[in-house]
C-alpha atoms as a PDB file:
ATOM      1  CA  MET A   1      42.997  -9.420  -2.843  1.00  0.00           C
ATOM      2  CA  SER A   2      39.840 -11.331  -1.989  1.00  0.00           C
ATOM      3  CA  CYS A   3      37.113  -9.653   0.033  1.00  0.00           C
ATOM      4  CA  GLY A   4      36.406 -12.970   1.805  1.00  0.00           C
ATOM      5  CA  ILE A   5      32.890 -13.225   0.324  1.00  0.00           C
ATOM      6  CA  THR A   6      31.915 -15.848  -2.193  1.00  0.00           C
ATOM      7  CA  ILE A   7      30.355 -13.994  -5.162  1.00  0.00           C
ATOM      8  CA  PRO A   8      27.617 -16.209  -6.780  1.00  0.00           C
ATOM      9  CA  ASP A   9      27.515 -16.681 -10.600  1.00  0.00           C
ATOM     10  CA  ASP A  10      24.091 -15.224 -10.821  1.00  0.00           C
ATOM     11  CA  GLU A  11      24.138 -11.415 -11.211  1.00  0.00           C
ATOM     12  CA  ARG A  12      20.886 -10.884  -9.298  1.00  0.00           C
ATOM     13  CA  ALA A  13      22.047 -13.008  -6.485  1.00  0.00           C
ATOM     14  CA  ALA A  14      25.262 -11.024  -6.253  1.00  0.00           C
ATOM     15  CA  VAL A  15      23.318  -7.761  -6.110  1.00  0.00           C
ATOM     16  CA  ALA A  16      21.106  -9.177  -3.324  1.00  0.00           C
ATOM     17  CA  ILE A  17      24.101 -10.217  -1.326  1.00  0.00           C
ATOM     18  CA  TYR A  18      25.657  -6.759  -1.678  1.00  0.00           C
ATOM     19  CA  HIS A  19      22.425  -5.035  -0.576  1.00  0.00           C
ATOM     20  CA  GLY A  20      22.238  -7.421   2.353  1.00  0.00           C
ATOM     21  CA  LEU A  21      25.753  -6.510   3.462  1.00  0.00           C
ATOM     22  CA  VAL A  22      24.923  -2.736   3.358  1.00  0.00           C
ATOM     23  CA  THR A  23      21.849  -3.478   5.484  1.00  0.00           C
ATOM     24  CA  THR A  24      23.850  -5.556   7.989  1.00  0.00           C
ATOM     25  CA  LEU A  25      26.584  -2.986   8.401  1.00  0.00           C
ATOM     26  CA  ALA A  26      24.000  -0.218   8.801  1.00  0.00           C
ATOM     27  CA  ASP A  27      22.308  -2.323  11.506  1.00  0.00           C
ATOM     28  CA  GLU A  28      25.740  -2.688  13.193  1.00  0.00           C
ATOM     29  CA  LEU A  29      26.204   1.027  13.366  1.00  0.00           C
ATOM     30  CA  GLU A  30      22.680   1.404  14.720  1.00  0.00           C
ATOM     31  CA  THR A  31      23.187  -1.256  17.401  1.00  0.00           C
ATOM     32  CA  GLU A  32      26.705  -0.479  18.528  1.00  0.00           C
ATOM     33  CA  TYR A  33      26.828   3.294  18.061  1.00  0.00           C
ATOM     34  CA  SER A  34      23.134   4.385  18.185  1.00  0.00           C
ATOM     35  CA  ALA A  35      23.229   5.563  14.617  1.00  0.00           C
ATOM     36  CA  GLU A  36      20.237   7.463  13.374  1.00  0.00           C
ATOM     37  CA  ILE A  37      18.983   6.281   9.988  1.00  0.00           C
ATOM     38  CA  ASP A  38      16.869   8.501   7.762  1.00  0.00           C
ATOM     39  CA  ILE A  39      14.942   7.105   4.750  1.00  0.00           C
ATOM     40  CA  PRO A  40      13.672  10.015   2.629  1.00  0.00           C
ATOM     41  CA  ASN A  41      10.164   9.620   1.216  1.00  0.00           C
ATOM     42  CA  GLN A  42       9.831   6.365   3.248  1.00  0.00           C
ATOM     43  CA  GLU A  43       6.052   6.359   3.091  1.00  0.00           C
ATOM     44  CA  THR A  44       6.041   5.861  -0.689  1.00  0.00           C
ATOM     45  CA  GLN A  45       8.731   3.191  -0.812  1.00  0.00           C
ATOM     46  CA  ALA A  46       7.907  -0.460  -1.076  1.00  0.00           C
ATOM     47  CA  GLU A  47       8.886  -2.514   2.046  1.00  0.00           C
ATOM     48  CA  TYR A  48      11.737  -4.262   0.202  1.00  0.00           C
ATOM     49  CA  GLU A  49      13.234  -0.945  -0.812  1.00  0.00           C
ATOM     50  CA  LYS A  50      13.483   0.536   2.662  1.00  0.00           C
ATOM     51  CA  PRO A  51      16.654  -1.241   3.813  1.00  0.00           C
ATOM     52  CA  ARG A  52      18.582  -0.596   0.641  1.00  0.00           C
ATOM     53  CA  PHE A  53      18.122   2.750  -1.002  1.00  0.00           C
ATOM     54  CA  LYS A  54      18.582   6.421  -0.255  1.00  0.00           C
ATOM     55  CA  ARG A  55      19.503   5.987   3.380  1.00  0.00           C
ATOM     56  CA  ILE A  56      21.289   8.602   5.430  1.00  0.00           C
ATOM     57  CA  ILE A  57      23.182   6.926   8.298  1.00  0.00           C
ATOM     58  CA  ARG A  58      24.246   9.389  10.922  1.00  0.00           C
ATOM     59  CA  VAL A  59      26.716   8.542  13.740  1.00  0.00           C
ATOM     60  CA  GLY A  60      28.943  10.331  16.257  1.00  0.00           C
ATOM     61  CA  VAL A  61      32.698  10.564  15.976  1.00  0.00           C
ATOM     62  CA  ASP A  62      33.193   7.439  18.131  1.00  0.00           C
ATOM     63  CA  ALA A  63      32.002   5.343  15.191  1.00  0.00           C
ATOM     64  CA  ALA A  64      34.475   6.811  12.656  1.00  0.00           C
ATOM     65  CA  GLU A  65      36.964   3.878  12.729  1.00  0.00           C
ATOM     66  CA  THR A  66      34.189   1.250  12.340  1.00  0.00           C
ATOM     67  CA  ALA A  67      32.558   3.239   9.534  1.00  0.00           C
ATOM     68  CA  LEU A  68      35.889   3.475   7.698  1.00  0.00           C
ATOM     69  CA  LYS A  69      36.460  -0.316   8.023  1.00  0.00           C
ATOM     70  CA  GLN A  70      32.923  -0.943   6.711  1.00  0.00           C
ATOM     71  CA  HIS A  71      33.550   1.371   3.778  1.00  0.00           C
ATOM     72  CA  VAL A  72      36.849  -0.404   2.810  1.00  0.00           C
ATOM     73  CA  PHE A  73      35.163  -3.816   3.081  1.00  0.00           C
ATOM     74  CA  LEU A  74      32.136  -2.833   0.969  1.00  0.00           C
ATOM     75  CA  LYS A  75      34.431  -1.340  -1.620  1.00  0.00           C
ATOM     76  CA  SER A  76      36.363  -4.590  -1.874  1.00  0.00           C
ATOM     77  CA  VAL A  77      33.142  -6.591  -2.314  1.00  0.00           C
ATOM     78  CA  HIS A  78      31.868  -4.033  -4.878  1.00  0.00           C
ATOM     79  CA  ASP A  79      35.182  -4.319  -6.889  1.00  0.00           C
ATOM     80  CA  GLU A  80      35.031  -8.119  -6.894  1.00  0.00           C
ATOM     81  CA  ILE A  81      31.425  -8.090  -8.204  1.00  0.00           C
ATOM     82  CA  MET A  82      32.406  -5.576 -10.889  1.00  0.00           C
ATOM     83  CA  ALA A  83      35.358  -7.762 -11.919  1.00  0.00           C
ATOM     84  CA  LYS A  84      33.403 -11.008 -11.894  1.00  0.00           C
ATOM     85  CA  PHE A  85      30.676  -9.693 -14.164  1.00  0.00           C
ATOM     86  CA  LYS A  86      33.056  -7.519 -16.250  1.00  0.00           C
ATOM     87  CA  LYS A  87      31.239  -4.304 -15.454  1.00  0.00           C
ATOM     88  CA  LYS A  88      32.654  -0.808 -15.846  1.00  0.00           C
ATOM     89  CA  VAL A  89      29.439   0.761 -14.503  1.00  0.00           C
ATOM     90  CA  PHE A  90      26.937  -1.084 -12.371  1.00  0.00           C
ATOM     91  CA  ARG A  91      24.248   1.096 -10.956  1.00  0.00           C
ATOM     92  CA  ALA A  92      22.588  -1.739  -9.077  1.00  0.00           C
ATOM     93  CA  ILE A  93      25.314  -1.606  -6.514  1.00  0.00           C
ATOM     94  CA  ASN A  94      27.002   1.501  -5.085  1.00  0.00           C
ATOM     95  CA  VAL A  95      29.489   1.818  -2.357  1.00  0.00           C
ATOM     96  CA  PRO A  96      27.938   3.952   0.425  1.00  0.00           C
ATOM     97  CA  ALA A  97      29.542   7.409   0.477  1.00  0.00           C
ATOM     98  CA  LEU A  98      31.387   8.156   3.668  1.00  0.00           C
ATOM     99  CA  TYR A  99      31.890  11.660   5.053  1.00  0.00           C
ATOM    100  CA  THR A 100      33.758  12.406   8.318  1.00  0.00           C
ATOM    101  CA  ASP A 101      34.018  15.488  10.563  1.00  0.00           C
ATOM    102  CA  VAL A 102      30.495  16.473   9.493  1.00  0.00           C
ATOM    103  CA  LYS A 103      29.071  19.530  11.291  1.00  0.00           C
ATOM    104  CA  TYR A 104      25.638  19.166   9.712  1.00  0.00           C
ATOM    105  CA  ALA A 105      23.973  18.479   6.354  1.00  0.00           C
ATOM    106  CA  SER A 106      21.001  19.646   4.397  1.00  0.00           C
ATOM    107  CA  LEU A 107      18.758  17.580   2.113  1.00  0.00           C
ATOM    108  CA  SER A 108      17.156  19.017  -1.053  1.00  0.00           C
ATOM    109  CA  VAL A 109      14.167  17.045  -2.509  1.00  0.00           C
ATOM    110  CA  ASN A 110      12.982  17.933  -6.039  1.00  0.00           C
ATOM    111  CA  MET A 111      11.093  16.427  -8.879  1.00  0.00           C
ATOM    112  CA  ALA A 112      13.449  14.436 -11.158  1.00  0.00           C
ATOM    113  CA  THR A 113      12.917  14.514 -14.961  1.00  0.00           C
ATOM    114  CA  SER A 114      13.952  12.423 -17.862  1.00  0.00           C
ATOM    115  CA  VAL A 115      14.546  13.814 -21.352  1.00  0.00           C
ATOM    116  CA  SER A 116      13.990  11.791 -24.531  1.00  0.00           C
ATOM    117  CA  ARG A 117      13.736  12.338 -28.267  1.00  0.00           C
ATOM    118  CA  VAL A 118      10.380  12.622 -30.001  1.00  0.00           C
ATOM    119  CA  GLU A 119      10.163   9.818 -32.549  1.00  0.00           C
ATOM    120  CA  GLU A 120       8.768  10.656 -35.985  1.00  0.00           C
ATOM    121  CA  GLU A 121       5.830   8.304 -35.581  1.00  0.00           C
ATOM    122  CA  HIS A 122       4.740   9.906 -32.370  1.00  0.00           C
ATOM    123  CA  TYR A 123       5.339  13.399 -33.861  1.00  0.00           C
ATOM    124  CA  HIS A 124       2.817  12.685 -36.637  1.00  0.00           C
ATOM    125  CA  TYR A 125       0.361  11.046 -34.173  1.00  0.00           C
ATOM    126  CA  VAL A 126       0.355  14.230 -31.991  1.00  0.00           C
ATOM    127  CA  LEU A 127      -0.316  16.409 -35.038  1.00  0.00           C
ATOM    128  CA  LYS A 128      -3.108  14.096 -36.163  1.00  0.00           C
ATOM    129  CA  GLU A 129      -4.714  14.098 -32.713  1.00  0.00           C
ATOM    130  CA  ALA A 130      -4.441  17.910 -32.571  1.00  0.00           C
ATOM    131  CA  GLU A 131      -6.163  18.236 -35.960  1.00  0.00           C
ATOM    132  CA  SER A 132      -8.925  15.936 -34.746  1.00  0.00           C
ATOM    133  CA  TYR A 133      -9.433  17.998 -31.613  1.00  0.00           C
ATOM    134  CA  LYS A 134      -9.552  21.184 -33.640  1.00  0.00           C
ATOM    135  CA  SER A 135     -12.243  19.763 -35.912  1.00  0.00           C
ATOM    136  CA  LEU A 136     -14.446  18.786 -32.946  1.00  0.00           C
ATOM    137  CA  VAL A 137     -14.098  21.739 -30.540  1.00  0.00           C
ATOM    138  CA  SER A 138     -16.628  24.537 -30.924  1.00  0.00           C
ATOM    139  CA  ASP A 139     -14.975  27.252 -28.879  1.00  0.00           C
ATOM    140  CA  THR A 140     -13.395  29.831 -31.237  1.00  0.00           C
ATOM    141  CA  LYS A 141     -10.619  30.857 -28.926  1.00  0.00           C
ATOM    142  CA  ILE A 142      -9.616  27.262 -28.266  1.00  0.00           C
ATOM    143  CA  LYS A 143      -9.758  26.449 -31.948  1.00  0.00           C
ATOM    144  CA  ARG A 144      -7.524  29.457 -32.767  1.00  0.00           C
ATOM    145  CA  ASP A 145      -5.023  28.402 -30.093  1.00  0.00           C
ATOM    146  CA  ILE A 146      -4.760  24.819 -31.188  1.00  0.00           C
ATOM    147  CA  THR A 147      -4.356  26.003 -34.785  1.00  0.00           C
ATOM    148  CA  GLN A 148      -1.359  28.077 -33.780  1.00  0.00           C
ATOM    149  CA  GLN A 149       0.065  25.120 -31.796  1.00  0.00           C
ATOM    150  CA  ILE A 150      -0.217  22.924 -34.851  1.00  0.00           C
ATOM    151  CA  LYS A 151       1.443  25.519 -37.023  1.00  0.00           C
ATOM    152  CA  THR A 152       4.349  25.898 -34.577  1.00  0.00           C
ATOM    153  CA  LEU A 153       4.849  22.205 -34.250  1.00  0.00           C
ATOM    154  CA  SER A 154       4.625  21.531 -37.972  1.00  0.00           C
ATOM    155  CA  ALA A 155       7.470  23.967 -38.613  1.00  0.00           C
ATOM    156  CA  LEU A 156       9.830  21.805 -36.560  1.00  0.00           C
ATOM    157  CA  GLU A 157      11.459  18.477 -37.312  1.00  0.00           C
ATOM    158  CA  PRO A 158      11.101  15.534 -34.840  1.00  0.00           C
ATOM    159  CA  ASP A 159      14.820  15.572 -34.086  1.00  0.00           C
ATOM    160  CA  GLU A 160      14.456  19.211 -32.903  1.00  0.00           C
ATOM    161  CA  LEU A 161      12.001  18.114 -30.190  1.00  0.00           C
ATOM    162  CA  ARG A 162      12.151  16.484 -26.804  1.00  0.00           C
ATOM    163  CA  TRP A 163       9.879  14.972 -24.190  1.00  0.00           C
ATOM    164  CA  VAL A 164      10.551  16.143 -20.645  1.00  0.00           C
ATOM    165  CA  LYS A 165       8.799  13.836 -18.169  1.00  0.00           C
ATOM    166  CA  SER A 166       8.722  13.451 -14.413  1.00  0.00           C
ATOM    167  CA  SER A 167      10.648  10.433 -13.209  1.00  0.00           C
ATOM    168  CA  GLY A 168      10.083  10.644  -9.493  1.00  0.00           C
ATOM    169  CA  LEU A 169      11.934  12.476  -6.821  1.00  0.00           C
ATOM    170  CA  SER A 170      15.554  13.599  -6.790  1.00  0.00           C
ATOM    171  CA  TYR A 171      17.539  13.878  -3.587  1.00  0.00           C
ATOM    172  CA  GLN A 172      20.690  15.964  -3.118  1.00  0.00           C
ATOM    173  CA  LEU A 173      22.602  16.061   0.136  1.00  0.00           C
ATOM    174  CA  TYR A 174      24.818  18.992   1.030  1.00  0.00           C
ATOM    175  CA  ILE A 175      27.453  18.044   3.640  1.00  0.00           C
ATOM    176  CA  TYR A 176      29.207  20.760   5.673  1.00  0.00           C
ATOM    177  CA  THR A 177      32.563  19.989   7.254  1.00  0.00           C
ATOM    178  CA  LYS A 178      35.467  22.051   8.561  1.00  0.00           C
ATOM    179  CA  ASP A 179      36.867  21.946   4.990  1.00  0.00           C
ATOM    180  CA  GLY A 180      33.715  23.427   3.404  1.00  0.00           C
ATOM    181  CA  LYS A 181      30.649  22.140   1.590  1.00  0.00           C
ATOM    182  CA  GLN A 182      30.279  19.018  -0.529  1.00  0.00           C
ATOM    183  CA  ARG A 183      27.387  17.801  -2.613  1.00  0.00           C
ATOM    184  CA  CYS A 184      26.184  14.213  -2.975  1.00  0.00           C
ATOM    185  CA  ASN A 185      23.401  12.815  -5.066  1.00  0.00           C
ATOM    186  CA  LEU A 186      21.481  10.581  -2.732  1.00  0.00           C
ATOM    187  CA  ASN A 187      21.053   7.543  -5.037  1.00  0.00           C
ATOM    188  CA  HIS A 188      22.647   5.164  -2.522  1.00  0.00           C
ATOM    189  CA  ALA A 189      23.386   4.980   1.166  1.00  0.00           C
ATOM    190  CA  VAL A 190      25.412   7.756   2.725  1.00  0.00           C
ATOM    191  CA  VAL A 191      27.235   7.602   6.075  1.00  0.00           C
ATOM    192  CA  LEU A 192      27.785  10.855   7.919  1.00  0.00           C
ATOM    193  CA  VAL A 193      30.228  10.753  10.833  1.00  0.00           C
ATOM    194  CA  GLY A 194      29.926  13.837  13.032  1.00  0.00           C
ATOM    195  CA  ASP A 195      32.756  15.982  14.387  1.00  0.00           C
ATOM    196  CA  HIS A 196      31.638  15.212  17.999  1.00  0.00           C
ATOM    197  CA  ASP A 197      29.793  12.543  19.893  1.00  0.00           C
ATOM    198  CA  ILE A 198      26.305  13.429  18.646  1.00  0.00           C
ATOM    199  CA  PRO A 199      25.189  12.394  15.089  1.00  0.00           C
ATOM    200  CA  PRO A 200      25.116  15.405  12.745  1.00  0.00           C
ATOM    201  CA  GLU A 201      21.700  16.940  11.994  1.00  0.00           C
ATOM    202  CA  VAL A 202      20.194  16.897   8.555  1.00  0.00           C
ATOM    203  CA  LEU A 203      18.063  19.901   7.658  1.00  0.00           C
ATOM    204  CA  LEU A 204      15.388  19.701   4.976  1.00  0.00           C
ATOM    205  CA  GLN A 205      15.529  22.419   2.373  1.00  0.00           C
ATOM    206  CA  ARG A 206      12.460  23.948   0.719  1.00  0.00           C
ATOM    207  CA  PRO A 207      11.919  22.113  -2.622  1.00  0.00           C
ATOM    208  CA  ARG A 208      12.219  23.978  -5.882  1.00  0.00           C
ATOM    209  CA  GLN A 209       8.942  24.450  -7.662  1.00  0.00           C
ATOM    210  CA  GLN A 210      10.293  23.303 -11.038  1.00  0.00           C
ATOM    211  CA  ARG A 211      13.343  21.600 -12.390  1.00  0.00           C
ATOM    212  CA  SER A 212      15.911  23.840 -14.058  1.00  0.00           C
ATOM    213  CA  ASP A 213      16.019  21.569 -17.117  1.00  0.00           C
ATOM    214  CA  VAL A 214      12.358  22.334 -17.681  1.00  0.00           C
ATOM    215  CA  LYS A 215      12.794  26.049 -17.036  1.00  0.00           C
ATOM    216  CA  LYS A 216      15.561  26.314 -19.641  1.00  0.00           C
ATOM    217  CA  ARG A 217      13.598  24.581 -22.423  1.00  0.00           C
ATOM    218  CA  GLU A 218      11.188  26.392 -24.742  1.00  0.00           C
ATOM    219  CA  LEU A 219       7.784  24.788 -25.195  1.00  0.00           C
ATOM    220  CA  ALA A 220       7.156  23.878 -28.834  1.00  0.00           C
ATOM    221  CA  PHE A 221       3.677  22.372 -28.312  1.00  0.00           C
ATOM    222  CA  SER A 222       1.384  22.854 -25.343  1.00  0.00           C
ATOM    223  CA  PHE A 223      -1.974  21.054 -25.245  1.00  0.00           C
ATOM    224  CA  ASN A 224      -4.025  20.677 -22.009  1.00  0.00           C
ATOM    225  CA  GLY A 225      -6.243  17.969 -23.393  1.00  0.00           C
ATOM    226  CA  GLY A 226      -9.935  17.674 -22.720  1.00  0.00           C
ATOM    227  CA  THR A 227     -13.133  15.869 -23.551  1.00  0.00           C
ATOM    228  CA  VAL A 228     -15.278  16.744 -26.611  1.00  0.00           C
ATOM    229  CA  ARG A 229     -18.091  15.066 -28.516  1.00  0.00           C
ATOM    230  CA  ASP A 230     -17.267  13.572 -31.888  1.00  0.00           C
ATOM    231  CA  HIS A 231     -19.481  13.742 -34.944  1.00  0.00           C
ATOM    232  CA  ASN A 232     -21.535  10.819 -33.708  1.00  0.00           C
ATOM    233  CA  GLY A 233     -22.219  12.494 -30.399  1.00  0.00           C
ATOM    234  CA  LYS A 234     -19.914  10.223 -28.431  1.00  0.00           C
ATOM    235  CA  GLU A 235     -17.471  11.658 -25.911  1.00  0.00           C
ATOM    236  CA  ARG A 236     -13.832  11.490 -26.908  1.00  0.00           C
ATOM    237  CA  ASP A 237     -10.951  12.105 -24.491  1.00  0.00           C
ATOM    238  CA  PHE A 238      -7.705  13.734 -25.555  1.00  0.00           C
ATOM    239  CA  GLU A 239      -4.621  13.487 -23.402  1.00  0.00           C
ATOM    240  CA  SER A 240      -2.553  16.541 -22.496  1.00  0.00           C
ATOM    241  CA  VAL A 241       0.726  16.821 -24.455  1.00  0.00           C
ATOM    242  CA  TYR A 242       3.769  19.052 -23.809  1.00  0.00           C
ATOM    243  CA  ILE A 243       6.676  18.929 -26.253  1.00  0.00           C
ATOM    244  CA  TYR A 244       9.820  21.026 -25.743  1.00  0.00           C
ATOM    245  CA  LYS A 245      12.470  22.287 -28.165  1.00  0.00           C
ATOM    246  CA  ARG A 246      15.816  20.527 -28.030  1.00  0.00           C
END
């Protein structure tokens, strides 16, 4: 069954059309039903990102039928784009999540992290830089500490090690309805339809101080970096490095 929208042959153009539809339908809810639209971390988003990503669209119960029709329409457009470009997963477009009979919701904002393997070349580079730092630093305690760090890292193979790096902010929305609590990762638009005529409130949770995936991993190498003078008297900067066990 056709969605009634002509999907262009260019993938980027198709994505742009889909994002435009999401924006248009959000504007409709705002105009017709006085929807309240929240954009987390809006001050750090580029202007072109604001209409498209991580929006929480809150409406009263009178908008439920319209919101459901919009959801069905966007799902049909999404499915046609997926079929046209033979995609099983296409993270550039997501159907906005729809929740009804919402009493209230809470938003959790935390640091997101990415985990990657330590390549052998970079492993040896880190050891080499650590040895250079040890040869240049004069403080006995620091020299002793970096020696121990080198010893610990040298006893491990590269495939036993991981980088854990910050990759921005992570948003999780907890939605409370008469049926209980549901969790939603806020990586696309979410429509919350209240259980009465007032849009449901979204409460902001206190952020965690550190991601759990960092807490659970054991540090294999910890170097704070610093600036020392080399043998020619020139200043040399060393970057901080933190490597975790797999």
